[in-house]
Amino acid sequence: MARRELSDVEWELIEPFLSIGRFGPYPERLREQFEGVVWRFRTGSQWREMPREFGAWSTVYERFSQWRDAGVFEALMDSTVVRAHQDAAGMRVGEEVLAALEEAADRTKGDPGKRKRSMPGGTTTPPGSNGVGSGVGAGRG
């Protein structure tokens, strides 16, 4: 039985992206070859160390090269990004919601756990900061 690097659901999402070219037979072991590529990069092993259950290492490498050159991996990565509409950056809120948000922000500012602490030399740093660096927050408070 072949080792599975991908679930059936993952394979259903990936398969349409795998170009096999206009000529030549459809590879019968396309999934195993793709999983061989995944195995190779997951383990960091050399191509020649690939288990035979993925196919001949040279065949899997050749498929990888074809997919790389065809932009398959870039297309797969782009398909996993959720893009927001350009209007999503300017959220509109009503007066009541805005007032509630401002009130919550004011309460957070008054929370002793959120206050800046004084450091020797008169500088202030936010809690959790080590006080080392460019002096962000120095002299404020």
C-alpha atoms as a PDB file:
ATOM      1  CA  MET A   1       0.000   0.000   0.000  1.00  0.00           C
ATOM      2  CA  ALA A   2       1.295   3.436  -0.919  1.00  0.00           C
ATOM      3  CA  ARG A   3       2.260   5.938   1.725  1.00  0.00           C
ATOM      4  CA  ARG A   4      -0.146   8.875   1.704  1.00  0.00           C
ATOM      5  CA  GLU A   5       1.183  12.372   2.107  1.00  0.00           C
ATOM      6  CA  LEU A   6      -2.143  14.008   1.202  1.00  0.00           C
ATOM      7  CA  SER A   7      -5.706  13.363   2.275  1.00  0.00           C
ATOM      8  CA  ASP A   8      -8.337  12.672  -0.386  1.00  0.00           C
ATOM      9  CA  VAL A   9      -9.801  16.140   0.182  1.00  0.00           C
ATOM     10  CA  GLU A  10      -6.403  17.801  -0.319  1.00  0.00           C
ATOM     11  CA  TRP A  11      -5.828  15.769  -3.475  1.00  0.00           C
ATOM     12  CA  GLU A  12      -9.191  16.851  -4.909  1.00  0.00           C
ATOM     13  CA  LEU A  13      -8.117  20.476  -4.477  1.00  0.00           C
ATOM     14  CA  ILE A  14      -4.645  19.975  -5.980  1.00  0.00           C
ATOM     15  CA  GLU A  15      -5.321  17.685  -8.936  1.00  0.00           C
ATOM     16  CA  PRO A  16      -6.917  20.309 -11.237  1.00  0.00           C
ATOM     17  CA  PHE A  17      -3.745  22.425 -11.020  1.00  0.00           C
ATOM     18  CA  LEU A  18      -1.414  19.697 -12.281  1.00  0.00           C
ATOM     19  CA  SER A  19      -0.679  20.288 -15.915  1.00  0.00           C
ATOM     20  CA  ILE A  20       0.438  17.245 -17.832  1.00  0.00           C
ATOM     21  CA  GLY A  21       1.033  18.881 -21.198  1.00  0.00           C
ATOM     22  CA  ARG A  22      -0.813  18.587 -24.499  1.00  0.00           C
ATOM     23  CA  PHE A  23       1.002  15.472 -25.626  1.00  0.00           C
ATOM     24  CA  GLY A  24       1.628  12.140 -24.011  1.00  0.00           C
ATOM     25  CA  PRO A  25      -0.516   9.763 -22.010  1.00  0.00           C
ATOM     26  CA  TYR A  26      -2.151  10.803 -18.788  1.00  0.00           C
ATOM     27  CA  PRO A  27       0.130   9.525 -16.058  1.00  0.00           C
ATOM     28  CA  GLU A  28      -1.513   6.734 -14.135  1.00  0.00           C
ATOM     29  CA  ARG A  29       0.480   7.487 -11.010  1.00  0.00           C
ATOM     30  CA  LEU A  30       0.032  11.259 -10.935  1.00  0.00           C
ATOM     31  CA  ARG A  31      -0.995  11.329  -7.276  1.00  0.00           C
ATOM     32  CA  GLU A  32       1.913   9.138  -6.189  1.00  0.00           C
ATOM     33  CA  GLN A  33       4.315  11.359  -8.133  1.00  0.00           C
ATOM     34  CA  PHE A  34       2.955  14.526  -6.540  1.00  0.00           C
ATOM     35  CA  GLU A  35       3.102  12.907  -3.118  1.00  0.00           C
ATOM     36  CA  GLY A  36       6.707  11.976  -3.879  1.00  0.00           C
ATOM     37  CA  VAL A  37       7.454  15.675  -4.411  1.00  0.00           C
ATOM     38  CA  VAL A  38       5.741  16.486  -1.112  1.00  0.00           C
ATOM     39  CA  TRP A  39       7.724  13.722   0.609  1.00  0.00           C
ATOM     40  CA  ARG A  40      10.999  15.001  -0.811  1.00  0.00           C
ATOM     41  CA  PHE A  41      10.496  18.552   0.456  1.00  0.00           C
ATOM     42  CA  ARG A  42       8.961  17.475   3.761  1.00  0.00           C
ATOM     43  CA  THR A  43      11.920  15.252   4.591  1.00  0.00           C
ATOM     44  CA  GLY A  44      14.671  17.302   2.960  1.00  0.00           C
ATOM     45  CA  SER A  45      16.089  14.111   1.482  1.00  0.00           C
ATOM     46  CA  GLN A  46      17.799  13.799  -1.862  1.00  0.00           C
ATOM     47  CA  TRP A  47      15.729  12.814  -4.884  1.00  0.00           C
ATOM     48  CA  ARG A  48      17.652   9.531  -5.162  1.00  0.00           C
ATOM     49  CA  GLU A  49      16.590   8.542  -1.626  1.00  0.00           C
ATOM     50  CA  MET A  50      12.877   8.633  -2.492  1.00  0.00           C
ATOM     51  CA  PRO A  51      10.991   5.413  -1.651  1.00  0.00           C
ATOM     52  CA  ARG A  52      10.011   3.393  -4.750  1.00  0.00           C
ATOM     53  CA  GLU A  53       6.324   3.550  -3.814  1.00  0.00           C
ATOM     54  CA  PHE A  54       6.255   7.091  -5.282  1.00  0.00           C
ATOM     55  CA  GLY A  55       7.730   5.854  -8.540  1.00  0.00           C
ATOM     56  CA  ALA A  56      11.204   6.147  -9.980  1.00  0.00           C
ATOM     57  CA  TRP A  57      12.924   9.147  -8.450  1.00  0.00           C
ATOM     58  CA  SER A  58      13.925  10.429 -11.888  1.00  0.00           C
ATOM     59  CA  THR A  59      10.291  10.355 -13.060  1.00  0.00           C
ATOM     60  CA  VAL A  60       9.098  12.181  -9.948  1.00  0.00           C
ATOM     61  CA  TYR A  61      11.864  14.758 -10.385  1.00  0.00           C
ATOM     62  CA  GLU A  62      10.910  15.237 -14.042  1.00  0.00           C
ATOM     63  CA  ARG A  63       7.254  15.796 -13.057  1.00  0.00           C
ATOM     64  CA  PHE A  64       8.367  18.272 -10.391  1.00  0.00           C
ATOM     65  CA  SER A  65      10.418  20.160 -12.984  1.00  0.00           C
ATOM     66  CA  GLN A  66       7.466  20.307 -15.385  1.00  0.00           C
ATOM     67  CA  TRP A  67       5.094  21.531 -12.683  1.00  0.00           C
ATOM     68  CA  ARG A  68       7.633  24.071 -11.457  1.00  0.00           C
ATOM     69  CA  ASP A  69       8.180  25.443 -14.954  1.00  0.00           C
ATOM     70  CA  ALA A  70       4.420  25.556 -15.601  1.00  0.00           C
ATOM     71  CA  GLY A  71       3.860  27.627 -12.422  1.00  0.00           C
ATOM     72  CA  VAL A  72       1.775  24.962 -10.693  1.00  0.00           C
ATOM     73  CA  PHE A  73       3.209  25.624  -7.238  1.00  0.00           C
ATOM     74  CA  GLU A  74       2.676  29.390  -7.499  1.00  0.00           C
ATOM     75  CA  ALA A  75      -0.922  28.759  -8.603  1.00  0.00           C
ATOM     76  CA  LEU A  76      -1.461  26.423  -5.662  1.00  0.00           C
ATOM     77  CA  MET A  77      -0.072  28.983  -3.227  1.00  0.00           C
ATOM     78  CA  ASP A  78      -2.184  31.787  -4.744  1.00  0.00           C
ATOM     79  CA  SER A  79      -5.291  29.643  -4.453  1.00  0.00           C
ATOM     80  CA  THR A  80      -4.795  29.358  -0.693  1.00  0.00           C
ATOM     81  CA  VAL A  81      -4.836  33.123  -0.167  1.00  0.00           C
ATOM     82  CA  VAL A  82      -8.158  34.677   0.746  1.00  0.00           C
ATOM     83  CA  ARG A  83      -8.404  38.036  -0.935  1.00  0.00           C
ATOM     84  CA  ALA A  84     -10.561  40.766   0.564  1.00  0.00           C
ATOM     85  CA  HIS A  85     -12.492  43.171  -1.598  1.00  0.00           C
ATOM     86  CA  GLN A  86     -10.872  46.592  -1.903  1.00  0.00           C
ATOM     87  CA  ASP A  87     -13.757  48.134   0.042  1.00  0.00           C
ATOM     88  CA  ALA A  88     -13.098  45.822   3.002  1.00  0.00           C
ATOM     89  CA  ALA A  89     -10.363  48.150   4.287  1.00  0.00           C
ATOM     90  CA  GLY A  90     -12.802  50.944   5.160  1.00  0.00           C
ATOM     91  CA  MET A  91     -15.223  49.362   7.597  1.00  0.00           C
ATOM     92  CA  ARG A  92     -18.222  51.551   8.329  1.00  0.00           C
ATOM     93  CA  VAL A  93     -19.675  51.440  11.824  1.00  0.00           C
ATOM     94  CA  GLY A  94     -22.618  53.218  13.351  1.00  0.00           C
ATOM     95  CA  GLU A  95     -22.352  55.902  16.017  1.00  0.00           C
ATOM     96  CA  GLU A  96     -23.325  53.484  18.817  1.00  0.00           C
ATOM     97  CA  VAL A  97     -20.760  50.861  17.823  1.00  0.00           C
ATOM     98  CA  LEU A  98     -18.040  53.500  17.478  1.00  0.00           C
ATOM     99  CA  ALA A  99     -18.862  54.910  20.908  1.00  0.00           C
ATOM    100  CA  ALA A 100     -18.737  51.418  22.443  1.00  0.00           C
ATOM    101  CA  LEU A 101     -15.353  50.732  20.821  1.00  0.00           C
ATOM    102  CA  GLU A 102     -13.934  54.044  22.068  1.00  0.00           C
ATOM    103  CA  GLU A 103     -15.248  53.342  25.574  1.00  0.00           C
ATOM    104  CA  ALA A 104     -13.627  49.905  25.572  1.00  0.00           C
ATOM    105  CA  ALA A 105     -10.334  51.429  24.398  1.00  0.00           C
ATOM    106  CA  ASP A 106     -10.478  54.020  27.188  1.00  0.00           C
ATOM    107  CA  ARG A 107     -11.082  51.293  29.774  1.00  0.00           C
ATOM    108  CA  THR A 108      -8.063  49.375  28.451  1.00  0.00           C
ATOM    109  CA  LYS A 109      -5.905  52.482  28.826  1.00  0.00           C
ATOM    110  CA  GLY A 110      -6.960  52.701  32.479  1.00  0.00           C
ATOM    111  CA  ASP A 111      -6.125  49.039  33.153  1.00  0.00           C
ATOM    112  CA  PRO A 112      -3.011  48.875  35.366  1.00  0.00           C
ATOM    113  CA  GLY A 113      -1.803  45.812  33.469  1.00  0.00           C
ATOM    114  CA  LYS A 114      -1.765  47.832  30.258  1.00  0.00           C
ATOM    115  CA  ARG A 115       0.057  50.930  31.606  1.00  0.00           C
ATOM    116  CA  LYS A 116       3.610  51.755  30.739  1.00  0.00           C
ATOM    117  CA  ARG A 117       6.083  51.325  33.555  1.00  0.00           C
ATOM    118  CA  SER A 118       8.853  53.710  34.506  1.00  0.00           C
ATOM    119  CA  MET A 119      12.395  52.649  33.904  1.00  0.00           C
ATOM    120  CA  PRO A 120      15.554  53.990  35.532  1.00  0.00           C
ATOM    121  CA  GLY A 121      16.595  57.180  33.799  1.00  0.00           C
ATOM    122  CA  GLY A 122      13.045  58.466  33.337  1.00  0.00           C
ATOM    123  CA  THR A 123      12.146  56.417  30.259  1.00  0.00           C
ATOM    124  CA  THR A 124       8.971  54.425  29.939  1.00  0.00           C
ATOM    125  CA  THR A 125       8.391  51.146  28.210  1.00  0.00           C
ATOM    126  CA  PRO A 126       5.276  49.101  27.616  1.00  0.00           C
ATOM    127  CA  PRO A 127       4.760  45.994  29.761  1.00  0.00           C
ATOM    128  CA  GLY A 128       6.410  42.907  28.322  1.00  0.00           C
ATOM    129  CA  SER A 129       9.092  44.972  26.623  1.00  0.00           C
ATOM    130  CA  ASN A 130      12.694  44.467  27.635  1.00  0.00           C
ATOM    131  CA  GLY A 131      13.499  48.150  27.329  1.00  0.00           C
ATOM    132  CA  VAL A 132      16.331  47.470  24.878  1.00  0.00           C
ATOM    133  CA  GLY A 133      16.351  48.860  21.366  1.00  0.00           C
ATOM    134  CA  SER A 134      15.599  52.119  19.650  1.00  0.00           C
ATOM    135  CA  GLY A 135      13.876  53.692  22.631  1.00  0.00           C
ATOM    136  CA  VAL A 136      10.373  53.405  21.293  1.00  0.00           C
ATOM    137  CA  GLY A 137       8.069  54.758  23.928  1.00  0.00           C
ATOM    138  CA  ALA A 138      10.836  56.675  25.697  1.00  0.00           C
ATOM    139  CA  GLY A 139       9.659  59.902  27.266  1.00  0.00           C
ATOM    140  CA  ARG A 140       5.996  59.129  26.697  1.00  0.00           C
ATOM    141  CA  GLY A 141       3.437  58.350  29.303  1.00  0.00           C
END
